[in-house]
Amino acid sequence: MASHLPASLQPAIDLLGDSAVRHDTALSYEWVAPRAPSPDAPPLLVLLHGYAANEADLLGLVPYLDERFAVAAARAAHRLGVGSYGWFRVTYAASGPIVHEGEEGDSRTRLAAFLDEVIAKHGIDPRAVYLLGFSQGATLALGLALTVPEQVAGVVAIGGRVLREVAASFAPAERIRGLEVFAGYGVHDDRVPIGRGRSTCELLRGLGADLTYREYGCGHQISPEMMNAIAAWLRERLAARAEGS
């Protein structure tokens, strides 16, 4: 599966050096230690790739992100083919897409366990755990954040949606209120139409999330302009937490 990063972002992955997939947690993952370590427990950013990709797909973003982050690039639990994984399958019928709810629920459960394991294994600050998901990975990130908001400090969701199948499991409104979310969509996205992005925006605001919503002149990808906005949003979150500590 080709990366959804534009060519201008891809070469920077060489700056990371060699990495290896780890299989000692609920999800396999690649690990990037903080490039600006400090004596304090570091914040964590978990990268969640899209459908039919793998854990390497979003690693090219790392050099553009705040160097204080430890980064875990997770691999989806369901194998689709060689080097190809998904968080859940979707069947397309005349009535619309049908999500395999068992696989989605399993992936959410695995992701929740994975966060706890990574926090313990790598000495992460549990108050500073962020998810960055693309496409189906963004959908999973939103699903986890809306059902167990206490597990994350914030979510970056690019080209994702909130599944109606997950709505019955939403946490009470008072627990969701104030959840920090950056949601970005391409106005030319042919996989997640911009109308779906706007309806997701309305839902998140209705649930009380602290939402930053942006639209970009791109398709189903993370554009350089979008990447700059994501990096700035994450820096602001870390700065606000540092001031409040």
C-alpha atoms as a PDB file:
ATOM      1  CA  MET A   1       0.000   0.000   0.000  1.00  0.00           C
ATOM      2  CA  ALA A   2       1.474   3.342  -1.007  1.00  0.00           C
ATOM      3  CA  SER A   3       1.958   5.971   1.660  1.00  0.00           C
ATOM      4  CA  HIS A   4      -0.644   8.711   1.965  1.00  0.00           C
ATOM      5  CA  LEU A   5       2.135  11.229   2.625  1.00  0.00           C
ATOM      6  CA  PRO A   6       3.114  13.577  -0.199  1.00  0.00           C
ATOM      7  CA  ALA A   7       6.609  13.155  -1.637  1.00  0.00           C
ATOM      8  CA  SER A   8       7.805  16.290   0.164  1.00  0.00           C
ATOM      9  CA  LEU A   9       7.262  14.590   3.538  1.00  0.00           C
ATOM     10  CA  GLN A  10       8.453  11.070   2.775  1.00  0.00           C
ATOM     11  CA  PRO A  11      12.269  11.534   2.570  1.00  0.00           C
ATOM     12  CA  ALA A  12      12.483  12.712   6.169  1.00  0.00           C
ATOM     13  CA  ILE A  13      11.866   9.162   7.374  1.00  0.00           C
ATOM     14  CA  ASP A  14      15.556   8.521   6.700  1.00  0.00           C
ATOM     15  CA  LEU A  15      16.350  10.743   9.675  1.00  0.00           C
ATOM     16  CA  LEU A  16      14.898   8.164  12.015  1.00  0.00           C
ATOM     17  CA  GLY A  17      17.510   5.498  11.403  1.00  0.00           C
ATOM     18  CA  ASP A  18      16.789   1.794  11.637  1.00  0.00           C
ATOM     19  CA  SER A  19      13.763   0.592  13.556  1.00  0.00           C
ATOM     20  CA  ALA A  20      12.264  -2.804  14.167  1.00  0.00           C
ATOM     21  CA  VAL A  21       8.743  -3.997  14.748  1.00  0.00           C
ATOM     22  CA  ARG A  22       8.035  -5.024  18.340  1.00  0.00           C
ATOM     23  CA  HIS A  23       5.542  -7.775  19.138  1.00  0.00           C
ATOM     24  CA  ASP A  24       5.466  -7.716  22.956  1.00  0.00           C
ATOM     25  CA  THR A  25       2.171  -5.833  23.432  1.00  0.00           C
ATOM     26  CA  ALA A  26      -1.494  -6.120  22.380  1.00  0.00           C
ATOM     27  CA  LEU A  27      -0.558  -4.523  19.038  1.00  0.00           C
ATOM     28  CA  SER A  28       2.702  -4.835  17.121  1.00  0.00           C
ATOM     29  CA  TYR A  29       4.441  -1.487  16.731  1.00  0.00           C
ATOM     30  CA  GLU A  30       7.537   0.472  15.794  1.00  0.00           C
ATOM     31  CA  TRP A  31       9.053   2.679  18.466  1.00  0.00           C
ATOM     32  CA  VAL A  32      10.753   6.059  18.170  1.00  0.00           C
ATOM     33  CA  ALA A  33      12.219   7.338  21.441  1.00  0.00           C
ATOM     34  CA  PRO A  34      11.995  11.067  22.243  1.00  0.00           C
ATOM     35  CA  ARG A  35      14.572  12.971  20.215  1.00  0.00           C
ATOM     36  CA  ALA A  36      14.700  15.631  22.935  1.00  0.00           C
ATOM     37  CA  PRO A  37      14.678  13.524  26.117  1.00  0.00           C
ATOM     38  CA  SER A  38      14.152  15.043  29.544  1.00  0.00           C
ATOM     39  CA  PRO A  39      14.233  13.731  33.125  1.00  0.00           C
ATOM     40  CA  ASP A  40      10.422  13.804  33.172  1.00  0.00           C
ATOM     41  CA  ALA A  41       8.149  11.082  31.828  1.00  0.00           C
ATOM     42  CA  PRO A  42       7.663  11.838  28.130  1.00  0.00           C
ATOM     43  CA  PRO A  43       4.398  12.428  26.265  1.00  0.00           C
ATOM     44  CA  LEU A  44       3.292   9.695  23.859  1.00  0.00           C
ATOM     45  CA  LEU A  45       1.970   9.979  20.318  1.00  0.00           C
ATOM     46  CA  VAL A  46       0.442   6.824  18.850  1.00  0.00           C
ATOM     47  CA  LEU A  47       0.218   6.665  15.041  1.00  0.00           C
ATOM     48  CA  LEU A  48      -2.726   4.702  13.631  1.00  0.00           C
ATOM     49  CA  HIS A  49      -2.507   3.934   9.919  1.00  0.00           C
ATOM     50  CA  GLY A  50      -5.350   3.572   7.434  1.00  0.00           C
ATOM     51  CA  TYR A  51      -6.919   0.499   5.861  1.00  0.00           C
ATOM     52  CA  ALA A  52      -4.608  -1.875   3.957  1.00  0.00           C
ATOM     53  CA  ALA A  53      -1.448  -0.082   5.161  1.00  0.00           C
ATOM     54  CA  ASN A  54       0.899  -0.928   8.030  1.00  0.00           C
ATOM     55  CA  GLU A  55       2.804   0.605  10.935  1.00  0.00           C
ATOM     56  CA  ALA A  56       5.434   2.189   8.649  1.00  0.00           C
ATOM     57  CA  ASP A  57       2.889   4.256   6.709  1.00  0.00           C
ATOM     58  CA  LEU A  58       2.910   7.329   8.968  1.00  0.00           C
ATOM     59  CA  LEU A  59       6.483   7.217  10.265  1.00  0.00           C
ATOM     60  CA  GLY A  60       7.481   9.899   7.774  1.00  0.00           C
ATOM     61  CA  LEU A  61       5.571  12.384   9.938  1.00  0.00           C
ATOM     62  CA  VAL A  62       7.864  11.963  12.933  1.00  0.00           C
ATOM     63  CA  PRO A  63      10.633  14.442  11.997  1.00  0.00           C
ATOM     64  CA  TYR A  64       7.997  17.192  11.698  1.00  0.00           C
ATOM     65  CA  LEU A  65       6.583  16.591  15.176  1.00  0.00           C
ATOM     66  CA  ASP A  66       7.680  17.934  18.545  1.00  0.00           C
ATOM     67  CA  GLU A  67      10.901  16.174  19.564  1.00  0.00           C
ATOM     68  CA  ARG A  68       9.669  15.628  23.118  1.00  0.00           C
ATOM     69  CA  PHE A  69       7.211  12.975  21.927  1.00  0.00           C
ATOM     70  CA  ALA A  70       7.873   9.284  22.207  1.00  0.00           C
ATOM     71  CA  VAL A  71       6.168   7.755  19.160  1.00  0.00           C
ATOM     72  CA  ALA A  72       4.560   4.339  18.794  1.00  0.00           C
ATOM     73  CA  ALA A  73       3.463   3.471  15.258  1.00  0.00           C
ATOM     74  CA  ALA A  74       0.926   0.683  15.763  1.00  0.00           C
ATOM     75  CA  ARG A  75       0.025  -2.093  13.334  1.00  0.00           C
ATOM     76  CA  ALA A  76      -3.656  -2.935  12.914  1.00  0.00           C
ATOM     77  CA  ALA A  77      -4.679  -6.284  14.338  1.00  0.00           C
ATOM     78  CA  HIS A  78      -6.314  -7.819  11.246  1.00  0.00           C
ATOM     79  CA  ARG A  79      -4.068  -9.036   8.426  1.00  0.00           C
ATOM     80  CA  LEU A  80      -5.416  -8.450   4.922  1.00  0.00           C
ATOM     81  CA  GLY A  81      -2.391  -9.556   2.881  1.00  0.00           C
ATOM     82  CA  VAL A  82       1.382  -9.248   2.739  1.00  0.00           C
ATOM     83  CA  GLY A  83       2.286  -6.054   4.598  1.00  0.00           C
ATOM     84  CA  SER A  84      -1.383  -5.031   4.593  1.00  0.00           C
ATOM     85  CA  TYR A  85      -3.524  -4.648   7.722  1.00  0.00           C
ATOM     86  CA  GLY A  86      -6.866  -3.188   8.732  1.00  0.00           C
ATOM     87  CA  TRP A  87      -8.556  -2.218  11.982  1.00  0.00           C
ATOM     88  CA  PHE A  88     -11.849  -3.681  10.740  1.00  0.00           C
ATOM     89  CA  ARG A  89     -13.401  -4.798   7.476  1.00  0.00           C
ATOM     90  CA  VAL A  90     -16.182  -2.909   5.734  1.00  0.00           C
ATOM     91  CA  THR A  91     -18.637  -4.540   3.335  1.00  0.00           C
ATOM     92  CA  TYR A  92     -20.324  -2.279   0.793  1.00  0.00           C
ATOM     93  CA  ALA A  93     -23.992  -3.031   0.140  1.00  0.00           C
ATOM     94  CA  ALA A  94     -26.776  -1.197  -1.685  1.00  0.00           C
ATOM     95  CA  SER A  95     -27.944   0.180   1.657  1.00  0.00           C
ATOM     96  CA  GLY A  96     -24.477   1.564   2.408  1.00  0.00           C
ATOM     97  CA  PRO A  97     -21.270   0.403   4.132  1.00  0.00           C
ATOM     98  CA  ILE A  98     -21.565  -2.343   6.745  1.00  0.00           C
ATOM     99  CA  VAL A  99     -18.874  -2.355   9.431  1.00  0.00           C
ATOM    100  CA  HIS A 100     -17.759  -5.663  10.929  1.00  0.00           C
ATOM    101  CA  GLU A 101     -18.537  -4.564  14.477  1.00  0.00           C
ATOM    102  CA  GLY A 102     -16.723  -7.460  16.116  1.00  0.00           C
ATOM    103  CA  GLU A 103     -13.452  -6.487  14.456  1.00  0.00           C
ATOM    104  CA  GLU A 104     -13.907  -2.796  15.273  1.00  0.00           C
ATOM    105  CA  GLY A 105     -14.666  -3.613  18.912  1.00  0.00           C
ATOM    106  CA  ASP A 106     -11.700  -5.978  19.072  1.00  0.00           C
ATOM    107  CA  SER A 107      -9.393  -3.294  17.676  1.00  0.00           C
ATOM    108  CA  ARG A 108     -10.650  -0.736  20.196  1.00  0.00           C
ATOM    109  CA  THR A 109     -10.087  -3.192  23.038  1.00  0.00           C
ATOM    110  CA  ARG A 110      -6.598  -3.997  21.770  1.00  0.00           C
ATOM    111  CA  LEU A 111      -5.740  -0.316  21.389  1.00  0.00           C
ATOM    112  CA  ALA A 112      -6.859   0.431  24.954  1.00  0.00           C
ATOM    113  CA  ALA A 113      -4.709  -2.426  26.293  1.00  0.00           C
ATOM    114  CA  PHE A 114      -1.814  -1.344  24.055  1.00  0.00           C
ATOM    115  CA  LEU A 115      -1.836   2.163  25.532  1.00  0.00           C
ATOM    116  CA  ASP A 116      -1.656   0.811  29.066  1.00  0.00           C
ATOM    117  CA  GLU A 117       1.188  -1.547  28.125  1.00  0.00           C
ATOM    118  CA  VAL A 118       3.247   1.131  26.345  1.00  0.00           C
ATOM    119  CA  ILE A 119       2.777   3.573  29.232  1.00  0.00           C
ATOM    120  CA  ALA A 120       4.100   0.985  31.675  1.00  0.00           C
ATOM    121  CA  LYS A 121       6.867  -0.373  29.450  1.00  0.00           C
ATOM    122  CA  HIS A 122       8.341   2.978  28.383  1.00  0.00           C
ATOM    123  CA  GLY A 123       7.635   5.179  31.425  1.00  0.00           C
ATOM    124  CA  ILE A 124       5.168   7.450  29.619  1.00  0.00           C
ATOM    125  CA  ASP A 125       3.266  10.279  31.306  1.00  0.00           C
ATOM    126  CA  PRO A 126      -0.281   8.809  31.351  1.00  0.00           C
ATOM    127  CA  ARG A 127      -1.739  12.328  31.286  1.00  0.00           C
ATOM    128  CA  ALA A 128      -0.069  13.084  27.948  1.00  0.00           C
ATOM    129  CA  VAL A 129      -1.165  10.331  25.569  1.00  0.00           C
ATOM    130  CA  TYR A 130      -2.222  11.480  22.106  1.00  0.00           C
ATOM    131  CA  LEU A 131      -3.554   9.544  19.133  1.00  0.00           C
ATOM    132  CA  LEU A 132      -2.899  10.522  15.514  1.00  0.00           C
ATOM    133  CA  GLY A 133      -4.979   8.508  13.089  1.00  0.00           C
ATOM    134  CA  PHE A 134      -5.416   8.597   9.343  1.00  0.00           C
ATOM    135  CA  SER A 135      -8.571   7.355   7.591  1.00  0.00           C
ATOM    136  CA  GLN A 136      -9.651   4.124   9.313  1.00  0.00           C
ATOM    137  CA  GLY A 137      -7.020   4.804  11.974  1.00  0.00           C
ATOM    138  CA  ALA A 138      -8.700   8.161  12.640  1.00  0.00           C
ATOM    139  CA  THR A 139     -12.062   6.423  12.937  1.00  0.00           C
ATOM    140  CA  LEU A 140     -10.605   4.030  15.510  1.00  0.00           C
ATOM    141  CA  ALA A 141      -8.963   6.881  17.429  1.00  0.00           C
ATOM    142  CA  LEU A 142     -12.252   8.775  17.646  1.00  0.00           C
ATOM    143  CA  GLY A 143     -14.071   5.604  18.675  1.00  0.00           C
ATOM    144  CA  LEU A 144     -11.684   4.976  21.554  1.00  0.00           C
ATOM    145  CA  ALA A 145     -11.663   8.605  22.687  1.00  0.00           C
ATOM    146  CA  LEU A 146     -15.453   8.832  22.759  1.00  0.00           C
ATOM    147  CA  THR A 147     -15.902   5.569  24.668  1.00  0.00           C
ATOM    148  CA  VAL A 148     -13.022   5.852  27.170  1.00  0.00           C
ATOM    149  CA  PRO A 149     -11.974   9.529  27.008  1.00  0.00           C
ATOM    150  CA  GLU A 150      -9.861   9.212  30.160  1.00  0.00           C
ATOM    151  CA  GLN A 151      -7.287   7.162  28.239  1.00  0.00           C
ATOM    152  CA  VAL A 152      -6.213  10.019  25.973  1.00  0.00           C
ATOM    153  CA  ALA A 153      -5.262  13.668  26.306  1.00  0.00           C
ATOM    154  CA  GLY A 154      -6.185  14.421  22.718  1.00  0.00           C
ATOM    155  CA  VAL A 155      -6.799  13.078  19.221  1.00  0.00           C
ATOM    156  CA  VAL A 156      -5.653  14.117  15.744  1.00  0.00           C
ATOM    157  CA  ALA A 157      -8.119  12.607  13.266  1.00  0.00           C
ATOM    158  CA  ILE A 158      -7.410  12.988   9.552  1.00  0.00           C
ATOM    159  CA  GLY A 159     -10.027  11.810   7.074  1.00  0.00           C
ATOM    160  CA  GLY A 160     -11.925   9.755   9.658  1.00  0.00           C
ATOM    161  CA  ARG A 161     -15.476   9.503  10.920  1.00  0.00           C
ATOM    162  CA  VAL A 162     -17.466   8.439  13.961  1.00  0.00           C
ATOM    163  CA  LEU A 163     -19.164   5.094  13.411  1.00  0.00           C
ATOM    164  CA  ARG A 164     -22.857   4.901  14.231  1.00  0.00           C
ATOM    165  CA  GLU A 165     -22.147   1.367  15.470  1.00  0.00           C
ATOM    166  CA  VAL A 166     -20.028   2.869  18.276  1.00  0.00           C
ATOM    167  CA  ALA A 167     -22.593   5.451  19.396  1.00  0.00           C
ATOM    168  CA  ALA A 168     -24.269   3.083  21.867  1.00  0.00           C
ATOM    169  CA  SER A 169     -20.936   2.783  23.695  1.00  0.00           C
ATOM    170  CA  PHE A 170     -20.213   6.515  24.016  1.00  0.00           C
ATOM    171  CA  ALA A 171     -19.137   7.640  27.466  1.00  0.00           C
ATOM    172  CA  PRO A 172     -21.537   9.996  29.292  1.00  0.00           C
ATOM    173  CA  ALA A 173     -21.417  13.575  28.019  1.00  0.00           C
ATOM    174  CA  GLU A 174     -19.756  14.900  31.177  1.00  0.00           C
ATOM    175  CA  ARG A 175     -16.752  12.624  30.544  1.00  0.00           C
ATOM    176  CA  ILE A 176     -16.423  13.611  26.870  1.00  0.00           C
ATOM    177  CA  ARG A 177     -16.808  17.333  27.507  1.00  0.00           C
ATOM    178  CA  GLY A 178     -13.519  19.135  26.845  1.00  0.00           C
ATOM    179  CA  LEU A 179     -11.911  16.240  24.929  1.00  0.00           C
ATOM    180  CA  GLU A 180      -9.323  17.892  22.679  1.00  0.00           C
ATOM    181  CA  VAL A 181      -9.640  16.935  19.011  1.00  0.00           C
ATOM    182  CA  PHE A 182      -7.984  18.193  15.833  1.00  0.00           C
ATOM    183  CA  ALA A 183     -10.000  17.012  12.804  1.00  0.00           C
ATOM    184  CA  GLY A 184      -8.705  17.624   9.284  1.00  0.00           C
ATOM    185  CA  TYR A 185     -10.298  16.782   5.935  1.00  0.00           C
ATOM    186  CA  GLY A 186      -9.479  17.258   2.272  1.00  0.00           C
ATOM    187  CA  VAL A 187     -12.236  18.954   0.315  1.00  0.00           C
ATOM    188  CA  HIS A 188     -11.359  16.735  -2.674  1.00  0.00           C
ATOM    189  CA  ASP A 189     -11.337  13.498  -0.675  1.00  0.00           C
ATOM    190  CA  ASP A 190     -13.027  10.786  -2.768  1.00  0.00           C
ATOM    191  CA  ARG A 191     -13.044   8.221   0.063  1.00  0.00           C
ATOM    192  CA  VAL A 192     -14.344  10.277   2.968  1.00  0.00           C
ATOM    193  CA  PRO A 193     -16.449  13.033   1.344  1.00  0.00           C
ATOM    194  CA  ILE A 194     -16.204  16.447   2.891  1.00  0.00           C
ATOM    195  CA  GLY A 195     -19.868  16.261   3.873  1.00  0.00           C
ATOM    196  CA  ARG A 196     -19.023  13.393   6.181  1.00  0.00           C
ATOM    197  CA  GLY A 197     -16.236  15.460   7.705  1.00  0.00           C
ATOM    198  CA  ARG A 198     -18.644  18.312   8.373  1.00  0.00           C
ATOM    199  CA  SER A 199     -21.213  15.986   9.957  1.00  0.00           C
ATOM    200  CA  THR A 200     -18.457  14.501  12.142  1.00  0.00           C
ATOM    201  CA  CYS A 201     -17.574  18.048  13.189  1.00  0.00           C
ATOM    202  CA  GLU A 202     -21.184  18.728  14.189  1.00  0.00           C
ATOM    203  CA  LEU A 203     -21.363  15.482  16.174  1.00  0.00           C
ATOM    204  CA  LEU A 204     -18.121  16.153  18.061  1.00  0.00           C
ATOM    205  CA  ARG A 205     -19.169  19.682  18.942  1.00  0.00           C
ATOM    206  CA  GLY A 206     -22.580  18.407  20.033  1.00  0.00           C
ATOM    207  CA  LEU A 207     -20.865  15.958  22.373  1.00  0.00           C
ATOM    208  CA  GLY A 208     -18.881  18.799  23.943  1.00  0.00           C
ATOM    209  CA  ALA A 209     -15.445  18.075  22.475  1.00  0.00           C
ATOM    210  CA  ASP A 210     -12.924  20.930  22.346  1.00  0.00           C
ATOM    211  CA  LEU A 211     -12.683  20.722  18.558  1.00  0.00           C
ATOM    212  CA  THR A 212     -10.303  22.297  16.080  1.00  0.00           C
ATOM    213  CA  TYR A 213     -11.758  21.592  12.623  1.00  0.00           C
ATOM    214  CA  ARG A 214      -9.892  22.358   9.390  1.00  0.00           C
ATOM    215  CA  GLU A 215     -10.489  21.768   5.686  1.00  0.00           C
ATOM    216  CA  TYR A 216      -7.697  21.613   3.104  1.00  0.00           C
ATOM    217  CA  GLY A 217      -7.488  21.695  -0.681  1.00  0.00           C
ATOM    218  CA  CYS A 218      -6.321  18.100  -1.015  1.00  0.00           C
ATOM    219  CA  GLY A 219      -7.678  14.595  -1.414  1.00  0.00           C
ATOM    220  CA  HIS A 220      -7.398  11.570   0.866  1.00  0.00           C
ATOM    221  CA  GLN A 221      -3.945  12.363   2.211  1.00  0.00           C
ATOM    222  CA  ILE A 222      -1.965  14.386   4.725  1.00  0.00           C
ATOM    223  CA  SER A 223      -0.791  17.483   2.887  1.00  0.00           C
ATOM    224  CA  PRO A 224       2.202  19.607   3.979  1.00  0.00           C
ATOM    225  CA  GLU A 225      -0.174  22.406   5.036  1.00  0.00           C
ATOM    226  CA  MET A 226      -2.163  19.937   7.112  1.00  0.00           C
ATOM    227  CA  MET A 227       1.021  18.538   8.632  1.00  0.00           C
ATOM    228  CA  ASN A 228       2.146  22.015   9.710  1.00  0.00           C
ATOM    229  CA  ALA A 229      -1.200  22.597  11.418  1.00  0.00           C
ATOM    230  CA  ILE A 230      -1.067  19.209  13.166  1.00  0.00           C
ATOM    231  CA  ALA A 231       2.457  19.850  14.443  1.00  0.00           C
ATOM    232  CA  ALA A 232       1.474  23.309  15.727  1.00  0.00           C
ATOM    233  CA  TRP A 233      -1.661  21.950  17.451  1.00  0.00           C
ATOM    234  CA  LEU A 234       0.342  19.247  19.236  1.00  0.00           C
ATOM    235  CA  ARG A 235       3.011  21.762  20.301  1.00  0.00           C
ATOM    236  CA  GLU A 236       0.295  23.971  21.767  1.00  0.00           C
ATOM    237  CA  ARG A 237      -1.104  21.042  23.732  1.00  0.00           C
ATOM    238  CA  LEU A 238       2.304  20.233  25.210  1.00  0.00           C
ATOM    239  CA  ALA A 239       2.935  23.892  26.016  1.00  0.00           C
ATOM    240  CA  ALA A 240      -0.404  24.202  27.796  1.00  0.00           C
ATOM    241  CA  ARG A 241       0.279  21.075  29.858  1.00  0.00           C
ATOM    242  CA  ALA A 242       3.755  22.353  30.799  1.00  0.00           C
ATOM    243  CA  GLU A 243       2.273  25.650  31.984  1.00  0.00           C
ATOM    244  CA  GLY A 244      -0.344  23.837  34.033  1.00  0.00           C
ATOM    245  CA  SER A 245       2.053  21.399  35.696  1.00  0.00           C
END
